[in-house]
Amino acid sequence: MSKKKLAMPLENGYLAQHFGHSREFAFFEIEDNKIVKEYRQEPPPHAEGTIPRWLVQNQATDILVGGIGPKAIEILYNQGINVYVGVAVDEAVNLALDFINGDLKFGQNYCHH
């Protein structure tokens, strides 16, 4: 049985353009290519490395982001978390379904620091 925990930063229910400034994250627990649980959670205040470590503590396996800095990517990769950068903005549930089906659409990394 395949299990994943997908996380993404949100802004008004849509994927946020900037990983570190989101006030809400969506989490999707996925088993055998089906969403079995969805919930939202407020991250800790933005400071270098805080949100990536929080995602590790929340057992995320995969992260969808529009933009993210190199230090955050490094922390997540070093913890074995897959980071999908430059994901096109859409509603969280649509992105979760696109992730499951291998249909994610990508643009550029919107974070340049």
PDB file of N, CA and C in Angstrom:
ATOM      1  N   MET A   1       0.850  -1.179   0.000  1.00  0.00           N
ATOM      2  CA  MET A   1       0.000   0.000   0.000  1.00  0.00           C
ATOM      3  C   MET A   1       0.895   1.242   0.000  1.00  0.00           C
ATOM      4  N   SER A   2       0.618   2.143  -0.902  1.00  0.00           N
ATOM      5  CA  SER A   2       1.382   3.379  -1.051  1.00  0.00           C
ATOM      6  C   SER A   2       0.751   4.491  -0.221  1.00  0.00           C
ATOM      7  N   LYS A   3       1.567   5.117   0.655  1.00  0.00           N
ATOM      8  CA  LYS A   3       1.075   6.226   1.488  1.00  0.00           C
ATOM      9  C   LYS A   3       1.949   7.452   1.268  1.00  0.00           C
ATOM     10  N   LYS A   4       1.295   8.595   1.133  1.00  0.00           N
ATOM     11  CA  LYS A   4       1.998   9.870   1.003  1.00  0.00           C
ATOM     12  C   LYS A   4       1.248  10.920   1.806  1.00  0.00           C
ATOM     13  N   LYS A   5       1.981  11.943   2.197  1.00  0.00           N
ATOM     14  CA  LYS A   5       1.361  13.095   2.849  1.00  0.00           C
ATOM     15  C   LYS A   5       1.828  14.333   2.093  1.00  0.00           C
ATOM     16  N   LEU A   6       0.907  14.894   1.338  1.00  0.00           N
ATOM     17  CA  LEU A   6       1.169  16.044   0.486  1.00  0.00           C
ATOM     18  C   LEU A   6       0.847  17.324   1.244  1.00  0.00           C
ATOM     19  N   ALA A   7       1.723  18.317   1.137  1.00  0.00           N
ATOM     20  CA  ALA A   7       1.488  19.614   1.782  1.00  0.00           C
ATOM     21  C   ALA A   7       1.702  20.722   0.767  1.00  0.00           C
ATOM     22  N   MET A   8       0.976  21.833   0.962  1.00  0.00           N
ATOM     23  CA  MET A   8       1.164  23.000   0.090  1.00  0.00           C
ATOM     24  C   MET A   8       0.740  24.265   0.815  1.00  0.00           C
ATOM     25  N   PRO A   9       1.475  25.365   0.602  1.00  0.00           N
ATOM     26  CA  PRO A   9       1.093  26.649   1.195  1.00  0.00           C
ATOM     27  C   PRO A   9      -0.105  27.227   0.448  1.00  0.00           C
ATOM     28  N   LEU A  10      -1.005  27.858   1.196  1.00  0.00           N
ATOM     29  CA  LEU A  10      -2.225  28.389   0.585  1.00  0.00           C
ATOM     30  C   LEU A  10      -2.370  29.888   0.780  1.00  0.00           C
ATOM     31  N   GLU A  11      -3.097  30.473  -0.153  1.00  0.00           N
ATOM     32  CA  GLU A  11      -3.574  31.848  -0.045  1.00  0.00           C
ATOM     33  C   GLU A  11      -4.989  31.849  -0.604  1.00  0.00           C
ATOM     34  N   ASN A  12      -5.964  32.062   0.270  1.00  0.00           N
ATOM     35  CA  ASN A  12      -7.382  32.054  -0.117  1.00  0.00           C
ATOM     36  C   ASN A  12      -7.794  30.760  -0.809  1.00  0.00           C
ATOM     37  N   GLY A  13      -7.295  29.631  -0.328  1.00  0.00           N
ATOM     38  CA  GLY A  13      -7.669  28.326  -0.869  1.00  0.00           C
ATOM     39  C   GLY A  13      -6.888  27.886  -2.092  1.00  0.00           C
ATOM     40  N   TYR A  14      -6.035  28.770  -2.606  1.00  0.00           N
ATOM     41  CA  TYR A  14      -5.218  28.464  -3.784  1.00  0.00           C
ATOM     42  C   TYR A  14      -3.754  28.346  -3.378  1.00  0.00           C
ATOM     43  N   LEU A  15      -2.961  27.661  -4.202  1.00  0.00           N
ATOM     44  CA  LEU A  15      -1.533  27.559  -3.944  1.00  0.00           C
ATOM     45  C   LEU A  15      -0.932  28.957  -3.833  1.00  0.00           C
ATOM     46  N   ALA A  16      -0.218  29.206  -2.743  1.00  0.00           N
ATOM     47  CA  ALA A  16       0.432  30.505  -2.533  1.00  0.00           C
ATOM     48  C   ALA A  16       1.685  30.600  -3.401  1.00  0.00           C
ATOM     49  N   GLN A  17       1.977  31.794  -3.866  1.00  0.00           N
ATOM     50  CA  GLN A  17       3.161  32.020  -4.697  1.00  0.00           C
ATOM     51  C   GLN A  17       4.452  31.932  -3.890  1.00  0.00           C
ATOM     52  N   HIS A  18       4.399  32.258  -2.599  1.00  0.00           N
ATOM     53  CA  HIS A  18       5.617  32.278  -1.788  1.00  0.00           C
ATOM     54  C   HIS A  18       5.462  31.367  -0.582  1.00  0.00           C
ATOM     55  N   PHE A  19       6.261  30.338  -0.546  1.00  0.00           N
ATOM     56  CA  PHE A  19       6.247  29.302   0.481  1.00  0.00           C
ATOM     57  C   PHE A  19       6.297  29.860   1.905  1.00  0.00           C
ATOM     58  N   GLY A  20       7.233  30.749   2.176  1.00  0.00           N
ATOM     59  CA  GLY A  20       7.495  31.192   3.542  1.00  0.00           C
ATOM     60  C   GLY A  20       6.517  32.191   4.112  1.00  0.00           C
ATOM     61  N   HIS A  21       5.671  32.770   3.288  1.00  0.00           N
ATOM     62  CA  HIS A  21       4.768  33.806   3.782  1.00  0.00           C
ATOM     63  C   HIS A  21       3.316  33.358   3.866  1.00  0.00           C
ATOM     64  N   SER A  22       3.074  32.087   3.658  1.00  0.00           N
ATOM     65  CA  SER A  22       1.710  31.564   3.716  1.00  0.00           C
ATOM     66  C   SER A  22       1.240  31.477   5.167  1.00  0.00           C
ATOM     67  N   ARG A  23      -0.008  31.799   5.389  1.00  0.00           N
ATOM     68  CA  ARG A  23      -0.593  31.715   6.737  1.00  0.00           C
ATOM     69  C   ARG A  23      -1.358  30.416   6.946  1.00  0.00           C
ATOM     70  N   GLU A  24      -1.395  29.576   5.896  1.00  0.00           N
ATOM     71  CA  GLU A  24      -2.137  28.320   5.994  1.00  0.00           C
ATOM     72  C   GLU A  24      -1.525  27.303   5.036  1.00  0.00           C
ATOM     73  N   PHE A  25      -1.457  26.072   5.483  1.00  0.00           N
ATOM     74  CA  PHE A  25      -1.013  24.967   4.634  1.00  0.00           C
ATOM     75  C   PHE A  25      -2.125  23.938   4.551  1.00  0.00           C
ATOM     76  N   ALA A  26      -2.278  23.360   3.373  1.00  0.00           N
ATOM     77  CA  ALA A  26      -3.196  22.237   3.183  1.00  0.00           C
ATOM     78  C   ALA A  26      -2.374  20.956   3.261  1.00  0.00           C
ATOM     79  N   PHE A  27      -2.939  19.957   3.902  1.00  0.00           N
ATOM     80  CA  PHE A  27      -2.331  18.632   3.975  1.00  0.00           C
ATOM     81  C   PHE A  27      -3.324  17.624   3.416  1.00  0.00           C
ATOM     82  N   PHE A  28      -2.807  16.715   2.605  1.00  0.00           N
ATOM     83  CA  PHE A  28      -3.618  15.647   2.035  1.00  0.00           C
ATOM     84  C   PHE A  28      -2.921  14.327   2.328  1.00  0.00           C
ATOM     85  N   GLU A  29      -3.617  13.440   3.037  1.00  0.00           N
ATOM     86  CA  GLU A  29      -3.094  12.096   3.242  1.00  0.00           C
ATOM     87  C   GLU A  29      -3.623  11.244   2.100  1.00  0.00           C
ATOM     88  N   ILE A  30      -2.700  10.585   1.412  1.00  0.00           N
ATOM     89  CA  ILE A  30      -3.026   9.837   0.202  1.00  0.00           C
ATOM     90  C   ILE A  30      -2.611   8.383   0.397  1.00  0.00           C
ATOM     91  N   GLU A  31      -3.545   7.477   0.150  1.00  0.00           N
ATOM     92  CA  GLU A  31      -3.262   6.042   0.197  1.00  0.00           C
ATOM     93  C   GLU A  31      -3.782   5.413  -1.079  1.00  0.00           C
ATOM     94  N   ASP A  32      -2.930   4.627  -1.719  1.00  0.00           N
ATOM     95  CA  ASP A  32      -3.303   3.946  -2.964  1.00  0.00           C
ATOM     96  C   ASP A  32      -3.945   4.903  -3.963  1.00  0.00           C
ATOM     97  N   ASN A  33      -3.320   6.065  -4.129  1.00  0.00           N
ATOM     98  CA  ASN A  33      -3.772   7.084  -5.093  1.00  0.00           C
ATOM     99  C   ASN A  33      -5.169   7.629  -4.818  1.00  0.00           C
ATOM    100  N   LYS A  34      -5.565   7.636  -3.544  1.00  0.00           N
ATOM    101  CA  LYS A  34      -6.847   8.236  -3.150  1.00  0.00           C
ATOM    102  C   LYS A  34      -6.615   9.144  -1.950  1.00  0.00           C
ATOM    103  N   ILE A  35      -7.288  10.290  -1.945  1.00  0.00           N
ATOM    104  CA  ILE A  35      -7.226  11.188  -0.789  1.00  0.00           C
ATOM    105  C   ILE A  35      -8.085  10.585   0.311  1.00  0.00           C
ATOM    106  N   VAL A  36      -7.469  10.274   1.452  1.00  0.00           N
ATOM    107  CA  VAL A  36      -8.213   9.693   2.569  1.00  0.00           C
ATOM    108  C   VAL A  36      -8.454  10.706   3.685  1.00  0.00           C
ATOM    109  N   LYS A  37      -7.684  11.800   3.678  1.00  0.00           N
ATOM    110  CA  LYS A  37      -7.884  12.841   4.686  1.00  0.00           C
ATOM    111  C   LYS A  37      -7.331  14.152   4.152  1.00  0.00           C
ATOM    112  N   GLU A  38      -8.060  15.234   4.424  1.00  0.00           N
ATOM    113  CA  GLU A  38      -7.613  16.572   4.047  1.00  0.00           C
ATOM    114  C   GLU A  38      -7.827  17.486   5.245  1.00  0.00           C
ATOM    115  N   TYR A  39      -6.827  18.294   5.550  1.00  0.00           N
ATOM    116  CA  TYR A  39      -6.982  19.279   6.620  1.00  0.00           C
ATOM    117  C   TYR A  39      -6.047  20.452   6.366  1.00  0.00           C
ATOM    118  N   ARG A  40      -6.281  21.512   7.088  1.00  0.00           N
ATOM    119  CA  ARG A  40      -5.461  22.728   6.967  1.00  0.00           C
ATOM    120  C   ARG A  40      -4.898  23.071   8.334  1.00  0.00           C
ATOM    121  N   GLN A  41      -3.728  23.691   8.299  1.00  0.00           N
ATOM    122  CA  GLN A  41      -3.051  24.000   9.551  1.00  0.00           C
ATOM    123  C   GLN A  41      -2.252  25.291   9.388  1.00  0.00           C
ATOM    124  N   GLU A  42      -2.206  26.069  10.447  1.00  0.00           N
ATOM    125  CA  GLU A  42      -1.428  27.311  10.448  1.00  0.00           C
ATOM    126  C   GLU A  42       0.032  26.991  10.764  1.00  0.00           C
ATOM    127  N   PRO A  43       0.968  27.479   9.938  1.00  0.00           N
ATOM    128  CA  PRO A  43       2.384  27.217  10.208  1.00  0.00           C
ATOM    129  C   PRO A  43       2.918  28.148  11.292  1.00  0.00           C
ATOM    130  N   PRO A  44       4.111  27.865  11.795  1.00  0.00           N
ATOM    131  CA  PRO A  44       4.741  28.788  12.738  1.00  0.00           C
ATOM    132  C   PRO A  44       5.134  30.074  12.009  1.00  0.00           C
ATOM    133  N   PRO A  45       5.451  31.132  12.753  1.00  0.00           N
ATOM    134  CA  PRO A  45       5.884  32.385  12.118  1.00  0.00           C
ATOM    135  C   PRO A  45       7.107  32.164  11.229  1.00  0.00           C
ATOM    136  N   HIS A  46       7.185  32.948  10.166  1.00  0.00           N
ATOM    137  CA  HIS A  46       8.267  32.820   9.188  1.00  0.00           C
ATOM    138  C   HIS A  46       9.603  33.225   9.795  1.00  0.00           C
ATOM    139  N   ALA A  47      10.546  32.314   9.746  1.00  0.00           N
ATOM    140  CA  ALA A  47      11.946  32.552  10.105  1.00  0.00           C
ATOM    141  C   ALA A  47      12.738  31.476   9.372  1.00  0.00           C
ATOM    142  N   GLU A  48      13.986  31.745   9.062  1.00  0.00           N
ATOM    143  CA  GLU A  48      14.757  30.801   8.252  1.00  0.00           C
ATOM    144  C   GLU A  48      14.725  29.388   8.825  1.00  0.00           C
ATOM    145  N   GLY A  49      14.265  28.451   8.022  1.00  0.00           N
ATOM    146  CA  GLY A  49      14.255  27.039   8.395  1.00  0.00           C
ATOM    147  C   GLY A  49      13.089  26.587   9.244  1.00  0.00           C
ATOM    148  N   THR A  50      12.301  27.507   9.770  1.00  0.00           N
ATOM    149  CA  THR A  50      11.217  27.138  10.683  1.00  0.00           C
ATOM    150  C   THR A  50      10.129  26.324   9.994  1.00  0.00           C
ATOM    151  N   ILE A  51       9.640  26.800   8.860  1.00  0.00           N
ATOM    152  CA  ILE A  51       8.538  26.110   8.182  1.00  0.00           C
ATOM    153  C   ILE A  51       8.990  24.768   7.611  1.00  0.00           C
ATOM    154  N   PRO A  52      10.174  24.665   6.985  1.00  0.00           N
ATOM    155  CA  PRO A  52      10.597  23.335   6.542  1.00  0.00           C
ATOM    156  C   PRO A  52      10.687  22.323   7.688  1.00  0.00           C
ATOM    157  N   ARG A  53      11.228  22.745   8.826  1.00  0.00           N
ATOM    158  CA  ARG A  53      11.313  21.826   9.977  1.00  0.00           C
ATOM    159  C   ARG A  53       9.921  21.459  10.489  1.00  0.00           C
ATOM    160  N   TRP A  54       8.989  22.408  10.457  1.00  0.00           N
ATOM    161  CA  TRP A  54       7.607  22.152  10.861  1.00  0.00           C
ATOM    162  C   TRP A  54       6.965  21.112   9.934  1.00  0.00           C
ATOM    163  N   LEU A  55       7.240  21.209   8.633  1.00  0.00           N
ATOM    164  CA  LEU A  55       6.703  20.229   7.680  1.00  0.00           C
ATOM    165  C   LEU A  55       7.287  18.844   7.924  1.00  0.00           C
ATOM    166  N   VAL A  56       8.567  18.778   8.282  1.00  0.00           N
ATOM    167  CA  VAL A  56       9.189  17.501   8.637  1.00  0.00           C
ATOM    168  C   VAL A  56       8.485  16.915   9.858  1.00  0.00           C
ATOM    169  N   GLN A  57       8.247  17.741  10.883  1.00  0.00           N
ATOM    170  CA  GLN A  57       7.563  17.279  12.092  1.00  0.00           C
ATOM    171  C   GLN A  57       6.147  16.797  11.795  1.00  0.00           C
ATOM    172  N   ASN A  58       5.524  17.384  10.773  1.00  0.00           N
ATOM    173  CA  ASN A  58       4.171  16.981  10.380  1.00  0.00           C
ATOM    174  C   ASN A  58       4.179  15.825   9.382  1.00  0.00           C
ATOM    175  N   GLN A  59       5.333  15.237   9.159  1.00  0.00           N
ATOM    176  CA  GLN A  59       5.513  14.027   8.359  1.00  0.00           C
ATOM    177  C   GLN A  59       5.095  14.174   6.899  1.00  0.00           C
ATOM    178  N   ALA A  60       5.294  15.366   6.334  1.00  0.00           N
ATOM    179  CA  ALA A  60       5.028  15.548   4.907  1.00  0.00           C
ATOM    180  C   ALA A  60       6.038  14.727   4.108  1.00  0.00           C
ATOM    181  N   THR A  61       5.570  14.124   3.022  1.00  0.00           N
ATOM    182  CA  THR A  61       6.459  13.377   2.128  1.00  0.00           C
ATOM    183  C   THR A  61       6.707  14.140   0.836  1.00  0.00           C
ATOM    184  N   ASP A  62       5.768  15.015   0.477  1.00  0.00           N
ATOM    185  CA  ASP A  62       5.827  15.756  -0.779  1.00  0.00           C
ATOM    186  C   ASP A  62       5.273  17.159  -0.554  1.00  0.00           C
ATOM    187  N   ILE A  63       5.926  18.163  -1.164  1.00  0.00           N
ATOM    188  CA  ILE A  63       5.508  19.557  -1.023  1.00  0.00           C
ATOM    189  C   ILE A  63       5.316  20.147  -2.413  1.00  0.00           C
ATOM    190  N   LEU A  64       4.183  20.815  -2.624  1.00  0.00           N
ATOM    191  CA  LEU A  64       3.948  21.565  -3.855  1.00  0.00           C
ATOM    192  C   LEU A  64       4.111  23.041  -3.534  1.00  0.00           C
ATOM    193  N   VAL A  65       4.912  23.754  -4.326  1.00  0.00           N
ATOM    194  CA  VAL A  65       5.128  25.181  -4.089  1.00  0.00           C
ATOM    195  C   VAL A  65       5.188  25.940  -5.409  1.00  0.00           C
ATOM    196  N   GLY A  66       4.806  27.214  -5.333  1.00  0.00           N
ATOM    197  CA  GLY A  66       5.014  28.103  -6.468  1.00  0.00           C
ATOM    198  C   GLY A  66       6.434  28.606  -6.425  1.00  0.00           C
ATOM    199  N   GLY A  67       6.814  29.203  -5.283  1.00  0.00           N
ATOM    200  CA  GLY A  67       8.157  29.726  -5.105  1.00  0.00           C
ATOM    201  C   GLY A  67       8.693  29.375  -3.732  1.00  0.00           C
ATOM    202  N   ILE A  68       9.997  29.112  -3.678  1.00  0.00           N
ATOM    203  CA  ILE A  68      10.637  28.706  -2.426  1.00  0.00           C
ATOM    204  C   ILE A  68      12.129  29.028  -2.525  1.00  0.00           C
ATOM    205  N   GLY A  69      12.717  29.424  -1.415  1.00  0.00           N
ATOM    206  CA  GLY A  69      14.139  29.747  -1.393  1.00  0.00           C
ATOM    207  C   GLY A  69      15.018  28.505  -1.345  1.00  0.00           C
ATOM    208  N   PRO A  70      16.287  28.656  -1.728  1.00  0.00           N
ATOM    209  CA  PRO A  70      17.199  27.509  -1.796  1.00  0.00           C
ATOM    210  C   PRO A  70      17.471  26.849  -0.445  1.00  0.00           C
ATOM    211  N   LYS A  71      17.515  27.621   0.632  1.00  0.00           N
ATOM    212  CA  LYS A  71      17.769  27.037   1.956  1.00  0.00           C
ATOM    213  C   LYS A  71      16.619  26.116   2.370  1.00  0.00           C
ATOM    214  N   ALA A  72      15.378  26.550   2.125  1.00  0.00           N
ATOM    215  CA  ALA A  72      14.219  25.715   2.457  1.00  0.00           C
ATOM    216  C   ALA A  72      14.233  24.432   1.632  1.00  0.00           C
ATOM    217  N   ILE A  73      14.560  24.548   0.346  1.00  0.00           N
ATOM    218  CA  ILE A  73      14.641  23.350  -0.507  1.00  0.00           C
ATOM    219  C   ILE A  73      15.685  22.386   0.046  1.00  0.00           C
ATOM    220  N   GLU A  74      16.836  22.914   0.425  1.00  0.00           N
ATOM    221  CA  GLU A  74      17.917  22.077   0.954  1.00  0.00           C
ATOM    222  C   GLU A  74      17.481  21.327   2.217  1.00  0.00           C
ATOM    223  N   ILE A  75      16.837  22.034   3.141  1.00  0.00           N
ATOM    224  CA  ILE A  75      16.374  21.397   4.380  1.00  0.00           C
ATOM    225  C   ILE A  75      15.393  20.274   4.060  1.00  0.00           C
ATOM    226  N   LEU A  76      14.433  20.546   3.181  1.00  0.00           N
ATOM    227  CA  LEU A  76      13.420  19.544   2.840  1.00  0.00           C
ATOM    228  C   LEU A  76      14.040  18.342   2.132  1.00  0.00           C
ATOM    229  N   TYR A  77      14.898  18.585   1.146  1.00  0.00           N
ATOM    230  CA  TYR A  77      15.562  17.482   0.431  1.00  0.00           C
ATOM    231  C   TYR A  77      16.388  16.627   1.386  1.00  0.00           C
ATOM    232  N   ASN A  78      17.099  17.278   2.299  1.00  0.00           N
ATOM    233  CA  ASN A  78      17.938  16.539   3.246  1.00  0.00           C
ATOM    234  C   ASN A  78      17.122  15.662   4.185  1.00  0.00           C
ATOM    235  N   GLN A  79      15.835  15.947   4.313  1.00  0.00           N
ATOM    236  CA  GLN A  79      14.947  15.132   5.138  1.00  0.00           C
ATOM    237  C   GLN A  79      14.157  14.120   4.296  1.00  0.00           C
ATOM    238  N   GLY A  80      14.500  14.025   3.007  1.00  0.00           N
ATOM    239  CA  GLY A  80      13.845  13.037   2.144  1.00  0.00           C
ATOM    240  C   GLY A  80      12.487  13.458   1.622  1.00  0.00           C
ATOM    241  N   ILE A  81      12.189  14.752   1.695  1.00  0.00           N
ATOM    242  CA  ILE A  81      10.894  15.253   1.219  1.00  0.00           C
ATOM    243  C   ILE A  81      11.044  15.707  -0.229  1.00  0.00           C
ATOM    244  N   ASN A  82      10.133  15.267  -1.083  1.00  0.00           N
ATOM    245  CA  ASN A  82      10.121  15.678  -2.485  1.00  0.00           C
ATOM    246  C   ASN A  82       9.515  17.067  -2.591  1.00  0.00           C
ATOM    247  N   VAL A  83      10.206  17.976  -3.285  1.00  0.00           N
ATOM    248  CA  VAL A  83       9.740  19.352  -3.438  1.00  0.00           C
ATOM    249  C   VAL A  83       9.471  19.616  -4.915  1.00  0.00           C
ATOM    250  N   TYR A  84       8.250  19.987  -5.229  1.00  0.00           N
ATOM    251  CA  TYR A  84       7.841  20.304  -6.596  1.00  0.00           C
ATOM    252  C   TYR A  84       7.726  21.821  -6.694  1.00  0.00           C
ATOM    253  N   VAL A  85       8.670  22.453  -7.388  1.00  0.00           N
ATOM    254  CA  VAL A  85       8.789  23.908  -7.446  1.00  0.00           C
ATOM    255  C   VAL A  85       8.211  24.444  -8.752  1.00  0.00           C
ATOM    256  N   GLY A  86       7.573  25.623  -8.659  1.00  0.00           N
ATOM    257  CA  GLY A  86       7.037  26.266  -9.853  1.00  0.00           C
ATOM    258  C   GLY A  86       5.695  25.706 -10.275  1.00  0.00           C
ATOM    259  N   VAL A  87       4.988  25.092  -9.336  1.00  0.00           N
ATOM    260  CA  VAL A  87       3.672  24.518  -9.639  1.00  0.00           C
ATOM    261  C   VAL A  87       2.708  25.654  -9.974  1.00  0.00           C
ATOM    262  N   ALA A  88       1.943  25.475 -11.027  1.00  0.00           N
ATOM    263  CA  ALA A  88       0.971  26.485 -11.454  1.00  0.00           C
ATOM    264  C   ALA A  88      -0.136  26.624 -10.416  1.00  0.00           C
ATOM    265  N   VAL A  89      -0.575  27.848 -10.170  1.00  0.00           N
ATOM    266  CA  VAL A  89      -1.583  28.140  -9.152  1.00  0.00           C
ATOM    267  C   VAL A  89      -2.930  27.527  -9.522  1.00  0.00           C
ATOM    268  N   ASP A  90      -3.540  26.872  -8.537  1.00  0.00           N
ATOM    269  CA  ASP A  90      -4.883  26.304  -8.671  1.00  0.00           C
ATOM    270  C   ASP A  90      -5.386  26.051  -7.257  1.00  0.00           C
ATOM    271  N   GLU A  91      -6.645  25.615  -7.142  1.00  0.00           N
ATOM    272  CA  GLU A  91      -7.195  25.261  -5.833  1.00  0.00           C
ATOM    273  C   GLU A  91      -6.467  24.037  -5.290  1.00  0.00           C
ATOM    274  N   ALA A  92      -6.356  23.965  -3.972  1.00  0.00           N
ATOM    275  CA  ALA A  92      -5.590  22.907  -3.320  1.00  0.00           C
ATOM    276  C   ALA A  92      -6.054  21.513  -3.733  1.00  0.00           C
ATOM    277  N   VAL A  93      -7.343  21.255  -3.705  1.00  0.00           N
ATOM    278  CA  VAL A  93      -7.829  19.906  -4.025  1.00  0.00           C
ATOM    279  C   VAL A  93      -7.536  19.548  -5.477  1.00  0.00           C
ATOM    280  N   ASN A  94      -7.628  20.511  -6.381  1.00  0.00           N
ATOM    281  CA  ASN A  94      -7.296  20.240  -7.786  1.00  0.00           C
ATOM    282  C   ASN A  94      -5.825  19.863  -7.930  1.00  0.00           C
ATOM    283  N   LEU A  95      -4.962  20.561  -7.202  1.00  0.00           N
ATOM    284  CA  LEU A  95      -3.535  20.248  -7.260  1.00  0.00           C
ATOM    285  C   LEU A  95      -3.242  18.879  -6.662  1.00  0.00           C
ATOM    286  N   ALA A  96      -3.936  18.528  -5.585  1.00  0.00           N
ATOM    287  CA  ALA A  96      -3.747  17.202  -4.992  1.00  0.00           C
ATOM    288  C   ALA A  96      -4.139  16.115  -5.991  1.00  0.00           C
ATOM    289  N   LEU A  97      -5.243  16.312  -6.687  1.00  0.00           N
ATOM    290  CA  LEU A  97      -5.672  15.335  -7.693  1.00  0.00           C
ATOM    291  C   LEU A  97      -4.695  15.294  -8.867  1.00  0.00           C
ATOM    292  N   ASP A  98      -4.203  16.460  -9.292  1.00  0.00           N
ATOM    293  CA  ASP A  98      -3.197  16.492 -10.361  1.00  0.00           C
ATOM    294  C   ASP A  98      -1.926  15.762  -9.930  1.00  0.00           C
ATOM    295  N   PHE A  99      -1.531  15.928  -8.677  1.00  0.00           N
ATOM    296  CA  PHE A  99      -0.360  15.238  -8.133  1.00  0.00           C
ATOM    297  C   PHE A  99      -0.556  13.723  -8.211  1.00  0.00           C
ATOM    298  N   ILE A 100      -1.705  13.260  -7.751  1.00  0.00           N
ATOM    299  CA  ILE A 100      -2.008  11.824  -7.767  1.00  0.00           C
ATOM    300  C   ILE A 100      -1.970  11.275  -9.191  1.00  0.00           C
ATOM    301  N   ASN A 101      -2.528  12.035 -10.121  1.00  0.00           N
ATOM    302  CA  ASN A 101      -2.645  11.578 -11.509  1.00  0.00           C
ATOM    303  C   ASN A 101      -1.426  11.888 -12.374  1.00  0.00           C
ATOM    304  N   GLY A 102      -0.408  12.525 -11.799  1.00  0.00           N
ATOM    305  CA  GLY A 102       0.788  12.868 -12.563  1.00  0.00           C
ATOM    306  C   GLY A 102       0.563  13.975 -13.573  1.00  0.00           C
ATOM    307  N   ASP A 103      -0.396  14.862 -13.282  1.00  0.00           N
ATOM    308  CA  ASP A 103      -0.776  15.921 -14.222  1.00  0.00           C
ATOM    309  C   ASP A 103      -0.405  17.328 -13.762  1.00  0.00           C
ATOM    310  N   LEU A 104       0.549  17.474 -12.844  1.00  0.00           N
ATOM    311  CA  LEU A 104       0.923  18.813 -12.378  1.00  0.00           C
ATOM    312  C   LEU A 104       1.475  19.646 -13.521  1.00  0.00           C
ATOM    313  N   LYS A 105       1.141  20.928 -13.496  1.00  0.00           N
ATOM    314  CA  LYS A 105       1.657  21.866 -14.490  1.00  0.00           C
ATOM    315  C   LYS A 105       2.654  22.789 -13.788  1.00  0.00           C
ATOM    316  N   PHE A 106       3.774  23.043 -14.466  1.00  0.00           N
ATOM    317  CA  PHE A 106       4.851  23.811 -13.859  1.00  0.00           C
ATOM    318  C   PHE A 106       5.150  25.080 -14.632  1.00  0.00           C
ATOM    319  N   GLY A 107       5.607  26.090 -13.889  1.00  0.00           N
ATOM    320  CA  GLY A 107       6.093  27.342 -14.460  1.00  0.00           C
ATOM    321  C   GLY A 107       7.479  27.575 -13.897  1.00  0.00           C
ATOM    322  N   GLN A 108       7.689  28.752 -13.334  1.00  0.00           N
ATOM    323  CA  GLN A 108       8.990  29.099 -12.768  1.00  0.00           C
ATOM    324  C   GLN A 108       8.921  29.149 -11.251  1.00  0.00           C
ATOM    325  N   ASN A 109      10.097  29.167 -10.617  1.00  0.00           N
ATOM    326  CA  ASN A 109      10.188  29.376  -9.179  1.00  0.00           C
ATOM    327  C   ASN A 109       9.967  30.863  -8.942  1.00  0.00           C
ATOM    328  N   TYR A 110       8.897  31.208  -8.237  1.00  0.00           N
ATOM    329  CA  TYR A 110       8.534  32.608  -8.033  1.00  0.00           C
ATOM    330  C   TYR A 110       9.291  33.267  -6.885  1.00  0.00           C
ATOM    331  N   CYS A 111      10.215  32.555  -6.286  1.00  0.00           N
ATOM    332  CA  CYS A 111      11.005  33.095  -5.178  1.00  0.00           C
ATOM    333  C   CYS A 111      12.451  33.211  -5.638  1.00  0.00           C
ATOM    334  N   HIS A 112      13.041  34.380  -5.461  1.00  0.00           N
ATOM    335  CA  HIS A 112      14.397  34.588  -5.969  1.00  0.00           C
ATOM    336  C   HIS A 112      15.350  35.080  -4.884  1.00  0.00           C
ATOM    337  N   HIS A 113      15.318  34.435  -3.724  1.00  0.00           N
ATOM    338  CA  HIS A 113      16.310  34.823  -2.699  1.00  0.00           C
ATOM    339  C   HIS A 113      17.051  33.612  -2.211  1.00  0.00           C
TER     340      HIS A 113
END
